Amino acid sequence: MIVAPATAADLADWADLRQALWPDDGLDGHRAEIAGMLAAPDLANFIARTEDGLAAGLAEASLRRDYVNGCETSPVAFLEGIYVMPEYRRSGIASQLVAAVEDWARTRGCSEFASDASLDNLRSHAMHAALGFEETQRVVYFRKVLD
């Protein structure tokens, strides 16, 4: 498996992987967001490809300078999204993607790496634990519409 920073040449595969991870956003929305992400200095985006060049997974991360729940330092690298195609899961790709983000984070002065998952996403919880993350907090957000 080859893990490398995502570039404009990866646009089609990158958008397809994002669509698989976040299906409600639509391919056009993903393409537009990727265009902006390519120039952002505080973002890291990696694509994992097979030896044959097939896109197998992605990791997207940001550098968060504000407070991150459960962290004590700043800046903090934050895993915004990670996805591995089902046929490639349990083969170490997520670990390779996370390692690439960790390397990127260290070069930016980070000593902590954070992520999140919804309370009901138990598969994501298990993946995070397998990748060395530890749970720090559980949060339920509330909202009230004002007239």
Foldseek 3Di string as FASTA:
>chain_A
DDKDWDDPVCLVVQLVQVCVVVVVQDSVSSSVVVVVQRPDPFKTKMFDADPVGHTFKMWIWGFCQDDDPQDDDPGEIETEDIDGPPVCPPVCPSLVNVVVSVVVCVVVPHPHYYYDDAPPPVVVVVVCVVSPDDDRDDDDDDDDDDD
